[in-house]
C-alpha cells in the first residue's frame, strides 16, 4: 500500500511478485464518493509509470496493457528471482469493480 515497502522488499532480497491493478484512481473512494455526487478530482490521477518508479527502487518491473506484455514476468518467474518484480497492470477505469460498487452501495 505504500511505496516505502519496495525499499524494504528490495533491501531484504525478497523475490516477491507485486501486481498493481492500476486504474489511475483510488478505487474505493471513487465508489464511495462518486454515487453521492461528490467531485472525484482528488481521487483520480493522471497516468503514472509505476514500473519506472519500481525500477528506481532497484526492482525488476514491467507495464502490462495486453497479455503479450507479460513475457518479462515469465522470464522473472523462471529465476533466479533475486529482486522483486513489480507489474504495473493498466486496467480500465470505465468498468469499476462490481464488488466495490456493491460494498459501498447505501453508504
PDB file of N, CA and C in Angstrom:
ATOM      1  N   UNK A   1       0.801  -1.200   0.000  1.00  0.00           N
ATOM      2  CA  UNK A   1       0.000   0.000   0.000  1.00  0.00           C
ATOM      3  C   UNK A   1       0.842   1.263   0.000  1.00  0.00           C
ATOM      4  N   UNK A   2       2.106   1.134   0.342  1.00  0.00           N
ATOM      5  CA  UNK A   2       2.962   2.305   0.370  1.00  0.00           C
ATOM      6  C   UNK A   2       4.264   2.042  -0.360  1.00  0.00           C
ATOM      7  N   UNK A   3       4.772   3.066  -1.014  1.00  0.00           N
ATOM      8  CA  UNK A   3       5.972   2.930  -1.837  1.00  0.00           C
ATOM      9  C   UNK A   3       7.190   2.514  -1.013  1.00  0.00           C
ATOM     10  N   UNK A   4       7.223   2.878   0.256  1.00  0.00           N
ATOM     11  CA  UNK A   4       8.370   2.545   1.098  1.00  0.00           C
ATOM     12  C   UNK A   4       8.579   1.034   1.224  1.00  0.00           C
ATOM     13  N   UNK A   5       7.517   0.266   1.048  1.00  0.00           N
ATOM     14  CA  UNK A   5       7.671  -1.183   1.130  1.00  0.00           C
ATOM     15  C   UNK A   5       8.573  -1.724   0.030  1.00  0.00           C
ATOM     16  N   UNK A   6       8.605  -1.048  -1.128  1.00  0.00           N
ATOM     17  CA  UNK A   6       9.513  -1.502  -2.192  1.00  0.00           C
ATOM     18  C   UNK A   6      10.958  -1.454  -1.734  1.00  0.00           C
ATOM     19  N   UNK A   7      11.314  -0.411  -1.008  1.00  0.00           N
ATOM     20  CA  UNK A   7      12.676  -0.315  -0.487  1.00  0.00           C
ATOM     21  C   UNK A   7      12.965  -1.467   0.464  1.00  0.00           C
ATOM     22  N   UNK A   8      12.059  -1.760   1.346  1.00  0.00           N
ATOM     23  CA  UNK A   8      12.256  -2.839   2.317  1.00  0.00           C
ATOM     24  C   UNK A   8      12.367  -4.184   1.618  1.00  0.00           C
ATOM     25  N   UNK A   9      11.458  -4.454   0.692  1.00  0.00           N
ATOM     26  CA  UNK A   9      11.458  -5.733  -0.018  1.00  0.00           C
ATOM     27  C   UNK A   9      12.755  -5.904  -0.801  1.00  0.00           C
ATOM     28  N   UNK A  10      13.220  -4.852  -1.439  1.00  0.00           N
ATOM     29  CA  UNK A  10      14.459  -4.908  -2.220  1.00  0.00           C
ATOM     30  C   UNK A  10      15.664  -5.112  -1.305  1.00  0.00           C
ATOM     31  N   UNK A  11      15.753  -4.342  -0.215  1.00  0.00           N
ATOM     32  CA  UNK A  11      16.894  -4.468   0.696  1.00  0.00           C
ATOM     33  C   UNK A  11      16.986  -5.856   1.294  1.00  0.00           C
ATOM     34  N   UNK A  12      15.838  -6.470   1.565  1.00  0.00           N
ATOM     35  CA  UNK A  12      15.832  -7.808   2.158  1.00  0.00           C
ATOM     36  C   UNK A  12      16.038  -8.905   1.121  1.00  0.00           C
ATOM     37  N   UNK A  13      16.083  -8.524  -0.146  1.00  0.00           N
ATOM     38  CA  UNK A  13      16.324  -9.509  -1.196  1.00  0.00           C
ATOM     39  C   UNK A  13      15.173 -10.469  -1.401  1.00  0.00           C
ATOM     40  N   UNK A  14      13.965 -10.017  -1.143  1.00  0.00           N
ATOM     41  CA  UNK A  14      12.792 -10.882  -1.282  1.00  0.00           C
ATOM     42  C   UNK A  14      12.340 -10.917  -2.736  1.00  0.00           C
ATOM     43  N   UNK A  15      12.284 -12.082  -3.296  1.00  0.00           N
ATOM     44  CA  UNK A  15      11.875 -12.250  -4.687  1.00  0.00           C
ATOM     45  C   UNK A  15      10.368 -12.291  -4.826  1.00  0.00           C
ATOM     46  N   UNK A  16       9.726 -11.209  -4.437  1.00  0.00           N
ATOM     47  CA  UNK A  16       8.262 -11.144  -4.472  1.00  0.00           C
ATOM     48  C   UNK A  16       7.764 -10.648  -5.823  1.00  0.00           C
ATOM     49  N   UNK A  17       6.605 -11.147  -6.223  1.00  0.00           N
ATOM     50  CA  UNK A  17       5.903 -10.629  -7.386  1.00  0.00           C
ATOM     51  C   UNK A  17       4.795  -9.727  -6.872  1.00  0.00           C
ATOM     52  N   UNK A  18       4.829  -8.465  -7.265  1.00  0.00           N
ATOM     53  CA  UNK A  18       3.871  -7.469  -6.784  1.00  0.00           C
ATOM     54  C   UNK A  18       3.092  -6.968  -7.994  1.00  0.00           C
ATOM     55  N   UNK A  19       1.774  -7.133  -7.958  1.00  0.00           N
ATOM     56  CA  UNK A  19       0.923  -6.690  -9.058  1.00  0.00           C
ATOM     57  C   UNK A  19       0.086  -5.520  -8.585  1.00  0.00           C
ATOM     58  N   UNK A  20       0.174  -4.412  -9.321  1.00  0.00           N
ATOM     59  CA  UNK A  20      -0.626  -3.223  -9.030  1.00  0.00           C
ATOM     60  C   UNK A  20      -1.698  -3.129 -10.107  1.00  0.00           C
ATOM     61  N   UNK A  21      -2.961  -3.254  -9.706  1.00  0.00           N
ATOM     62  CA  UNK A  21      -4.078  -3.081 -10.639  1.00  0.00           C
ATOM     63  C   UNK A  21      -4.298  -1.577 -10.757  1.00  0.00           C
ATOM     64  N   UNK A  22      -3.737  -0.976 -11.785  1.00  0.00           N
ATOM     65  CA  UNK A  22      -3.639   0.474 -11.905  1.00  0.00           C
ATOM     66  C   UNK A  22      -4.779   1.034 -12.750  1.00  0.00           C
ATOM     67  N   UNK A  23      -5.809   1.543 -12.072  1.00  0.00           N
ATOM     68  CA  UNK A  23      -6.938   2.172 -12.774  1.00  0.00           C
ATOM     69  C   UNK A  23      -6.877   3.692 -12.687  1.00  0.00           C
ATOM     70  N   UNK A  24      -5.710   4.197 -12.295  1.00  0.00           N
ATOM     71  CA  UNK A  24      -5.463   5.635 -12.202  1.00  0.00           C
ATOM     72  C   UNK A  24      -6.433   6.322 -11.235  1.00  0.00           C
ATOM     73  N   UNK A  25      -6.744   5.622 -10.152  1.00  0.00           N
ATOM     74  CA  UNK A  25      -7.663   6.178  -9.155  1.00  0.00           C
ATOM     75  C   UNK A  25      -7.538   5.399  -7.852  1.00  0.00           C
ATOM     76  N   UNK A  26      -8.058   5.998  -6.805  1.00  0.00           N
ATOM     77  CA  UNK A  26      -8.268   5.268  -5.562  1.00  0.00           C
ATOM     78  C   UNK A  26      -9.652   4.651  -5.684  1.00  0.00           C
ATOM     79  N   UNK A  27      -9.692   3.384  -6.102  1.00  0.00           N
ATOM     80  CA  UNK A  27     -10.951   2.737  -6.477  1.00  0.00           C
ATOM     81  C   UNK A  27     -12.043   2.801  -5.436  1.00  0.00           C
ATOM     82  N   UNK A  28     -11.722   2.522  -4.190  1.00  0.00           N
ATOM     83  CA  UNK A  28     -12.756   2.537  -3.154  1.00  0.00           C
ATOM     84  C   UNK A  28     -13.376   3.919  -3.008  1.00  0.00           C
ATOM     85  N   UNK A  29     -12.536   4.929  -3.088  1.00  0.00           N
ATOM     86  CA  UNK A  29     -13.046   6.293  -2.935  1.00  0.00           C
ATOM     87  C   UNK A  29     -13.931   6.685  -4.108  1.00  0.00           C
ATOM     88  N   UNK A  30     -13.579   6.234  -5.314  1.00  0.00           N
ATOM     89  CA  UNK A  30     -14.426   6.510  -6.484  1.00  0.00           C
ATOM     90  C   UNK A  30     -15.816   5.942  -6.244  1.00  0.00           C
ATOM     91  N   UNK A  31     -15.890   4.717  -5.736  1.00  0.00           N
ATOM     92  CA  UNK A  31     -17.189   4.086  -5.473  1.00  0.00           C
ATOM     93  C   UNK A  31     -17.914   4.743  -4.309  1.00  0.00           C
ATOM     94  N   UNK A  32     -17.166   5.231  -3.365  1.00  0.00           N
ATOM     95  CA  UNK A  32     -17.786   5.833  -2.187  1.00  0.00           C
ATOM     96  C   UNK A  32     -18.320   7.236  -2.474  1.00  0.00           C
ATOM     97  N   UNK A  33     -17.500   8.057  -3.141  1.00  0.00           N
ATOM     98  CA  UNK A  33     -17.879   9.460  -3.345  1.00  0.00           C
ATOM     99  C   UNK A  33     -18.664   9.702  -4.624  1.00  0.00           C
ATOM    100  N   UNK A  34     -18.350   8.976  -5.697  1.00  0.00           N
ATOM    101  CA  UNK A  34     -18.995   9.204  -6.985  1.00  0.00           C
ATOM    102  C   UNK A  34     -20.501   9.092  -6.960  1.00  0.00           C
ATOM    103  N   UNK A  35     -21.064   7.981  -6.450  1.00  0.00           N
ATOM    104  CA  UNK A  35     -22.518   7.841  -6.452  1.00  0.00           C
ATOM    105  C   UNK A  35     -23.228   8.916  -5.619  1.00  0.00           C
ATOM    106  N   UNK A  36     -22.531   9.501  -4.678  1.00  0.00           N
ATOM    107  CA  UNK A  36     -23.135  10.552  -3.844  1.00  0.00           C
ATOM    108  C   UNK A  36     -23.044  11.923  -4.536  1.00  0.00           C
ATOM    109  N   UNK A  37     -22.431  11.950  -5.725  1.00  0.00           N
ATOM    110  CA  UNK A  37     -22.349  13.189  -6.471  1.00  0.00           C
ATOM    111  C   UNK A  37     -21.172  14.073  -6.116  1.00  0.00           C
ATOM    112  N   UNK A  38     -20.253  13.570  -5.309  1.00  0.00           N
ATOM    113  CA  UNK A  38     -19.081  14.358  -4.941  1.00  0.00           C
ATOM    114  C   UNK A  38     -18.062  14.371  -6.079  1.00  0.00           C
ATOM    115  N   UNK A  39     -17.314  15.451  -6.185  1.00  0.00           N
ATOM    116  CA  UNK A  39     -16.261  15.557  -7.195  1.00  0.00           C
ATOM    117  C   UNK A  39     -15.205  14.490  -6.948  1.00  0.00           C
ATOM    118  N   UNK A  40     -14.694  13.932  -8.020  1.00  0.00           N
ATOM    119  CA  UNK A  40     -13.682  12.877  -7.913  1.00  0.00           C
ATOM    120  C   UNK A  40     -12.278  13.380  -8.209  1.00  0.00           C
ATOM    121  N   UNK A  41     -12.115  14.674  -8.327  1.00  0.00           N
ATOM    122  CA  UNK A  41     -10.819  15.227  -8.730  1.00  0.00           C
ATOM    123  C   UNK A  41      -9.685  14.900  -7.762  1.00  0.00           C
ATOM    124  N   UNK A  42      -9.994  14.626  -6.517  1.00  0.00           N
ATOM    125  CA  UNK A  42      -8.933  14.300  -5.557  1.00  0.00           C
ATOM    126  C   UNK A  42      -8.653  12.807  -5.459  1.00  0.00           C
ATOM    127  N   UNK A  43      -9.459  11.976  -6.125  1.00  0.00           N
ATOM    128  CA  UNK A  43      -9.266  10.530  -6.019  1.00  0.00           C
ATOM    129  C   UNK A  43      -8.930   9.867  -7.353  1.00  0.00           C
ATOM    130  N   UNK A  44      -8.850  10.643  -8.421  1.00  0.00           N
ATOM    131  CA  UNK A  44      -8.368  10.132  -9.703  1.00  0.00           C
ATOM    132  C   UNK A  44      -7.123  10.924 -10.076  1.00  0.00           C
ATOM    133  N   UNK A  45      -6.224  10.301 -10.819  1.00  0.00           N
ATOM    134  CA  UNK A  45      -4.966  10.963 -11.128  1.00  0.00           C
ATOM    135  C   UNK A  45      -4.494  10.581 -12.516  1.00  0.00           C
ATOM    136  N   UNK A  46      -3.567  11.363 -13.074  1.00  0.00           N
ATOM    137  CA  UNK A  46      -3.082  11.074 -14.431  1.00  0.00           C
ATOM    138  C   UNK A  46      -2.252   9.794 -14.450  1.00  0.00           C
ATOM    139  N   UNK A  47      -2.058   9.291 -15.657  1.00  0.00           N
ATOM    140  CA  UNK A  47      -1.264   8.076 -15.817  1.00  0.00           C
ATOM    141  C   UNK A  47       0.115   8.257 -15.196  1.00  0.00           C
ATOM    142  N   UNK A  48       0.514   7.265 -14.422  1.00  0.00           N
ATOM    143  CA  UNK A  48       1.808   7.267 -13.758  1.00  0.00           C
ATOM    144  C   UNK A  48       2.544   5.990 -14.142  1.00  0.00           C
ATOM    145  N   UNK A  49       3.815   6.094 -14.439  1.00  0.00           N
ATOM    146  CA  UNK A  49       4.627   4.938 -14.808  1.00  0.00           C
ATOM    147  C   UNK A  49       5.156   4.280 -13.534  1.00  0.00           C
ATOM    148  N   UNK A  50       4.322   3.448 -12.924  1.00  0.00           N
ATOM    149  CA  UNK A  50       4.711   2.797 -11.672  1.00  0.00           C
ATOM    150  C   UNK A  50       5.857   1.806 -11.874  1.00  0.00           C
ATOM    151  N   UNK A  51       5.992   1.266 -13.079  1.00  0.00           N
ATOM    152  CA  UNK A  51       7.121   0.372 -13.357  1.00  0.00           C
ATOM    153  C   UNK A  51       8.433   1.147 -13.265  1.00  0.00           C
ATOM    154  N   UNK A  52       8.452   2.364 -13.764  1.00  0.00           N
ATOM    155  CA  UNK A  52       9.665   3.188 -13.684  1.00  0.00           C
ATOM    156  C   UNK A  52       9.986   3.520 -12.233  1.00  0.00           C
ATOM    157  N   UNK A  53       8.975   3.792 -11.450  1.00  0.00           N
ATOM    158  CA  UNK A  53       9.187   4.068 -10.026  1.00  0.00           C
ATOM    159  C   UNK A  53       9.803   2.844  -9.352  1.00  0.00           C
ATOM    160  N   UNK A  54       9.258   1.663  -9.648  1.00  0.00           N
ATOM    161  CA  UNK A  54       9.779   0.422  -9.053  1.00  0.00           C
ATOM    162  C   UNK A  54      11.228   0.174  -9.468  1.00  0.00           C
ATOM    163  N   UNK A  55      11.537   0.424 -10.731  1.00  0.00           N
ATOM    164  CA  UNK A  55      12.931   0.256 -11.169  1.00  0.00           C
ATOM    165  C   UNK A  55      13.851   1.213 -10.418  1.00  0.00           C
ATOM    166  N   UNK A  56      13.346   2.392 -10.078  1.00  0.00           N
ATOM    167  CA  UNK A  56      14.129   3.342  -9.293  1.00  0.00           C
ATOM    168  C   UNK A  56      14.482   2.804  -7.915  1.00  0.00           C
ATOM    169  N   UNK A  57      13.682   1.895  -7.413  1.00  0.00           N
ATOM    170  CA  UNK A  57      13.969   1.252  -6.127  1.00  0.00           C
ATOM    171  C   UNK A  57      14.826  -0.001  -6.294  1.00  0.00           C
ATOM    172  N   UNK A  58      15.191  -0.323  -7.530  1.00  0.00           N
ATOM    173  CA  UNK A  58      16.034  -1.492  -7.776  1.00  0.00           C
ATOM    174  C   UNK A  58      15.272  -2.761  -8.073  1.00  0.00           C
ATOM    175  N   UNK A  59      13.990  -2.645  -8.331  1.00  0.00           N
ATOM    176  CA  UNK A  59      13.166  -3.813  -8.644  1.00  0.00           C
ATOM    177  C   UNK A  59      13.154  -4.057 -10.150  1.00  0.00           C
ATOM    178  N   UNK A  60      12.882  -5.288 -10.529  1.00  0.00           N
ATOM    179  CA  UNK A  60      12.515  -5.565 -11.917  1.00  0.00           C
ATOM    180  C   UNK A  60      11.080  -5.080 -12.054  1.00  0.00           C
ATOM    181  N   UNK A  61      10.710  -4.594 -13.237  1.00  0.00           N
ATOM    182  CA  UNK A  61       9.356  -4.069 -13.385  1.00  0.00           C
ATOM    183  C   UNK A  61       8.925  -4.067 -14.832  1.00  0.00           C
ATOM    184  N   UNK A  62       7.619  -4.161 -15.038  1.00  0.00           N
ATOM    185  CA  UNK A  62       7.047  -4.157 -16.379  1.00  0.00           C
ATOM    186  C   UNK A  62       5.673  -3.494 -16.324  1.00  0.00           C
ATOM    187  N   UNK A  63       5.338  -2.805 -17.406  1.00  0.00           N
ATOM    188  CA  UNK A  63       3.992  -2.264 -17.582  1.00  0.00           C
ATOM    189  C   UNK A  63       3.234  -3.223 -18.481  1.00  0.00           C
ATOM    190  N   UNK A  64       2.021  -3.583 -18.071  1.00  0.00           N
ATOM    191  CA  UNK A  64       1.233  -4.561 -18.816  1.00  0.00           C
ATOM    192  C   UNK A  64      -0.087  -3.929 -19.250  1.00  0.00           C
ATOM    193  N   UNK A  65      -0.303  -3.951 -20.562  1.00  0.00           N
ATOM    194  CA  UNK A  65      -1.563  -3.482 -21.138  1.00  0.00           C
ATOM    195  C   UNK A  65      -2.273  -4.599 -21.906  1.00  0.00           C
ATOM    196  N   UNK A  66      -1.515  -5.618 -22.292  1.00  0.00           N
ATOM    197  CA  UNK A  66      -2.068  -6.748 -23.040  1.00  0.00           C
ATOM    198  C   UNK A  66      -1.279  -8.008 -22.656  1.00  0.00           C
ATOM    199  N   UNK A  67      -1.845  -9.189 -22.897  1.00  0.00           N
ATOM    200  CA  UNK A  67      -1.205 -10.433 -22.436  1.00  0.00           C
ATOM    201  C   UNK A  67       0.245 -10.597 -22.857  1.00  0.00           C
ATOM    202  N   UNK A  68       0.601 -10.191 -24.071  1.00  0.00           N
ATOM    203  CA  UNK A  68       1.985 -10.396 -24.515  1.00  0.00           C
ATOM    204  C   UNK A  68       2.981  -9.534 -23.739  1.00  0.00           C
ATOM    205  N   UNK A  69       2.492  -8.518 -23.037  1.00  0.00           N
ATOM    206  CA  UNK A  69       3.376  -7.704 -22.194  1.00  0.00           C
ATOM    207  C   UNK A  69       3.868  -8.470 -20.969  1.00  0.00           C
ATOM    208  N   UNK A  70       3.311  -9.651 -20.735  1.00  0.00           N
ATOM    209  CA  UNK A  70       3.688 -10.452 -19.564  1.00  0.00           C
ATOM    210  C   UNK A  70       4.963 -11.274 -19.768  1.00  0.00           C
ATOM    211  N   UNK A  71       5.544 -11.264 -20.960  1.00  0.00           N
ATOM    212  CA  UNK A  71       6.745 -12.070 -21.214  1.00  0.00           C
ATOM    213  C   UNK A  71       7.865 -11.826 -20.197  1.00  0.00           C
ATOM    214  N   UNK A  72       8.169 -10.566 -19.807  1.00  0.00           N
ATOM    215  CA  UNK A  72       9.217 -10.368 -18.788  1.00  0.00           C
ATOM    216  C   UNK A  72       8.870 -11.011 -17.437  1.00  0.00           C
ATOM    217  N   UNK A  73       7.595 -11.127 -17.137  1.00  0.00           N
ATOM    218  CA  UNK A  73       7.193 -11.779 -15.880  1.00  0.00           C
ATOM    219  C   UNK A  73       7.508 -13.265 -15.965  1.00  0.00           C
ATOM    220  N   UNK A  74       7.223 -13.870 -17.106  1.00  0.00           N
ATOM    221  CA  UNK A  74       7.542 -15.296 -17.287  1.00  0.00           C
ATOM    222  C   UNK A  74       9.039 -15.533 -17.124  1.00  0.00           C
ATOM    223  N   UNK A  75       9.842 -14.656 -17.699  1.00  0.00           N
ATOM    224  CA  UNK A  75      11.296 -14.778 -17.569  1.00  0.00           C
ATOM    225  C   UNK A  75      11.728 -14.636 -16.113  1.00  0.00           C
ATOM    226  N   UNK A  76      11.148 -13.677 -15.411  1.00  0.00           N
ATOM    227  CA  UNK A  76      11.478 -13.467 -13.994  1.00  0.00           C
ATOM    228  C   UNK A  76      11.089 -14.698 -13.178  1.00  0.00           C
ATOM    229  N   UNK A  77       9.901 -15.258 -13.458  1.00  0.00           N
ATOM    230  CA  UNK A  77       9.438 -16.439 -12.722  1.00  0.00           C
ATOM    231  C   UNK A  77      10.364 -17.632 -12.914  1.00  0.00           C
ATOM    232  N   UNK A  78      11.027 -17.709 -14.062  1.00  0.00           N
ATOM    233  CA  UNK A  78      11.945 -18.817 -14.329  1.00  0.00           C
ATOM    234  C   UNK A  78      13.193 -18.746 -13.456  1.00  0.00           C
ATOM    235  N   UNK A  79      13.422 -17.590 -12.844  1.00  0.00           N
ATOM    236  CA  UNK A  79      14.520 -17.464 -11.889  1.00  0.00           C
ATOM    237  C   UNK A  79      15.662 -16.644 -12.428  1.00  0.00           C
ATOM    238  N   UNK A  80      16.521 -16.218 -11.552  1.00  0.00           N
ATOM    239  CA  UNK A  80      16.697 -16.614 -10.160  1.00  0.00           C
ATOM    240  C   UNK A  80      15.845 -15.833  -9.157  1.00  0.00           C
ATOM    241  N   UNK A  81      15.086 -14.854  -9.561  1.00  0.00           N
ATOM    242  CA  UNK A  81      14.223 -14.059  -8.674  1.00  0.00           C
ATOM    243  C   UNK A  81      15.001 -13.445  -7.512  1.00  0.00           C
ATOM    244  N   UNK A  82      16.108 -12.818  -7.815  1.00  0.00           N
ATOM    245  CA  UNK A  82      16.931 -12.207  -6.779  1.00  0.00           C
ATOM    246  C   UNK A  82      16.516 -10.778  -6.447  1.00  0.00           C
ATOM    247  N   UNK A  83      15.587 -10.228  -7.208  1.00  0.00           N
ATOM    248  CA  UNK A  83      14.997  -8.913  -6.902  1.00  0.00           C
ATOM    249  C   UNK A  83      13.488  -9.037  -7.061  1.00  0.00           C
ATOM    250  N   UNK A  84      12.733  -8.178  -6.400  1.00  0.00           N
ATOM    251  CA  UNK A  84      11.280  -8.209  -6.586  1.00  0.00           C
ATOM    252  C   UNK A  84      10.907  -7.803  -8.011  1.00  0.00           C
ATOM    253  N   UNK A  85       9.744  -8.257  -8.452  1.00  0.00           N
ATOM    254  CA  UNK A  85       9.201  -7.876  -9.756  1.00  0.00           C
ATOM    255  C   UNK A  85       7.874  -7.164  -9.517  1.00  0.00           C
ATOM    256  N   UNK A  86       7.761  -5.951 -10.072  1.00  0.00           N
ATOM    257  CA  UNK A  86       6.525  -5.178  -9.969  1.00  0.00           C
ATOM    258  C   UNK A  86       5.857  -5.156 -11.334  1.00  0.00           C
ATOM    259  N   UNK A  87       4.571  -5.498 -11.350  1.00  0.00           N
ATOM    260  CA  UNK A  87       3.770  -5.459 -12.569  1.00  0.00           C
ATOM    261  C   UNK A  87       2.795  -4.298 -12.439  1.00  0.00           C
ATOM    262  N   UNK A  88       2.967  -3.290 -13.296  1.00  0.00           N
ATOM    263  CA  UNK A  88       2.048  -2.156 -13.364  1.00  0.00           C
ATOM    264  C   UNK A  88       0.982  -2.546 -14.373  1.00  0.00           C
ATOM    265  N   UNK A  89      -0.089  -3.172 -13.882  1.00  0.00           N
ATOM    266  CA  UNK A  89      -1.152  -3.692 -14.740  1.00  0.00           C
ATOM    267  C   UNK A  89      -2.179  -2.595 -14.984  1.00  0.00           C
ATOM    268  N   UNK A  90      -2.142  -2.036 -16.178  1.00  0.00           N
ATOM    269  CA  UNK A  90      -3.062  -0.960 -16.535  1.00  0.00           C
ATOM    270  C   UNK A  90      -4.433  -1.569 -16.797  1.00  0.00           C
ATOM    271  N   UNK A  91      -5.406  -1.186 -15.999  1.00  0.00           N
ATOM    272  CA  UNK A  91      -6.775  -1.677 -16.166  1.00  0.00           C
ATOM    273  C   UNK A  91      -7.684  -0.487 -16.439  1.00  0.00           C
ATOM    274  N   UNK A  92      -8.795  -0.751 -17.050  1.00  0.00           N
ATOM    275  CA  UNK A  92      -9.706   0.317 -17.430  1.00  0.00           C
ATOM    276  C   UNK A  92     -10.465   0.866 -16.229  1.00  0.00           C
ATOM    277  N   UNK A  93     -10.637   2.139 -16.213  1.00  0.00           N
ATOM    278  CA  UNK A  93     -11.460   2.779 -15.185  1.00  0.00           C
ATOM    279  C   UNK A  93     -12.907   2.882 -15.659  1.00  0.00           C
ATOM    280  N   UNK A  94     -13.159   2.478 -16.908  1.00  0.00           N
ATOM    281  CA  UNK A  94     -14.504   2.571 -17.477  1.00  0.00           C
ATOM    282  C   UNK A  94     -15.470   1.569 -16.864  1.00  0.00           C
ATOM    283  N   UNK A  95     -14.949   0.491 -16.334  1.00  0.00           N
ATOM    284  CA  UNK A  95     -15.786  -0.550 -15.735  1.00  0.00           C
ATOM    285  C   UNK A  95     -15.300  -0.811 -14.320  1.00  0.00           C
ATOM    286  N   UNK A  96     -15.728   0.011 -13.369  1.00  0.00           N
ATOM    287  CA  UNK A  96     -15.238  -0.136 -11.994  1.00  0.00           C
ATOM    288  C   UNK A  96     -15.573  -1.497 -11.401  1.00  0.00           C
ATOM    289  N   UNK A  97     -14.886  -1.803 -10.359  1.00  0.00           N
ATOM    290  CA  UNK A  97     -15.051  -3.079  -9.677  1.00  0.00           C
ATOM    291  C   UNK A  97     -16.486  -3.264  -9.184  1.00  0.00           C
ATOM    292  N   UNK A  98     -17.135  -4.330  -9.649  1.00  0.00           N
ATOM    293  CA  UNK A  98     -18.526  -4.580  -9.256  1.00  0.00           C
ATOM    294  C   UNK A  98     -18.651  -4.838  -7.764  1.00  0.00           C
ATOM    295  N   UNK A  99     -17.651  -5.523  -7.178  1.00  0.00           N
ATOM    296  CA  UNK A  99     -17.777  -5.864  -5.762  1.00  0.00           C
ATOM    297  C   UNK A  99     -17.576  -4.641  -4.870  1.00  0.00           C
ATOM    298  N   UNK A 100     -16.729  -3.685  -5.303  1.00  0.00           N
ATOM    299  CA  UNK A 100     -16.602  -2.449  -4.536  1.00  0.00           C
ATOM    300  C   UNK A 100     -17.872  -1.616  -4.644  1.00  0.00           C
ATOM    301  N   UNK A 101     -18.432  -1.585  -5.846  1.00  0.00           N
ATOM    302  CA  UNK A 101     -19.681  -0.856  -6.031  1.00  0.00           C
ATOM    303  C   UNK A 101     -20.758  -1.400  -5.098  1.00  0.00           C
ATOM    304  N   UNK A 102     -20.849  -2.723  -5.028  1.00  0.00           N
ATOM    305  CA  UNK A 102     -21.835  -3.358  -4.157  1.00  0.00           C
ATOM    306  C   UNK A 102     -21.528  -3.077  -2.687  1.00  0.00           C
ATOM    307  N   UNK A 103     -20.266  -3.113  -2.314  1.00  0.00           N
ATOM    308  CA  UNK A 103     -19.883  -2.887  -0.920  1.00  0.00           C
ATOM    309  C   UNK A 103     -20.225  -1.479  -0.453  1.00  0.00           C
ATOM    310  N   UNK A 104     -20.108  -0.499  -1.354  1.00  0.00           N
ATOM    311  CA  UNK A 104     -20.352   0.893  -0.965  1.00  0.00           C
ATOM    312  C   UNK A 104     -21.777   1.353  -1.225  1.00  0.00           C
ATOM    313  N   UNK A 105     -22.594   0.512  -1.821  1.00  0.00           N
ATOM    314  CA  UNK A 105     -23.989   0.887  -2.087  1.00  0.00           C
ATOM    315  C   UNK A 105     -24.685   1.185  -0.766  1.00  0.00           C
ATOM    316  N   UNK A 106     -25.306   2.326  -0.700  1.00  0.00           N
ATOM    317  CA  UNK A 106     -26.059   2.688   0.503  1.00  0.00           C
ATOM    318  C   UNK A 106     -25.260   3.428   1.554  1.00  0.00           C
ATOM    319  N   UNK A 107     -23.969   3.658   1.340  1.00  0.00           N
ATOM    320  CA  UNK A 107     -23.158   4.386   2.328  1.00  0.00           C
ATOM    321  C   UNK A 107     -23.298   5.860   2.141  1.00  0.00           C
TER     322      UNK A 107
END
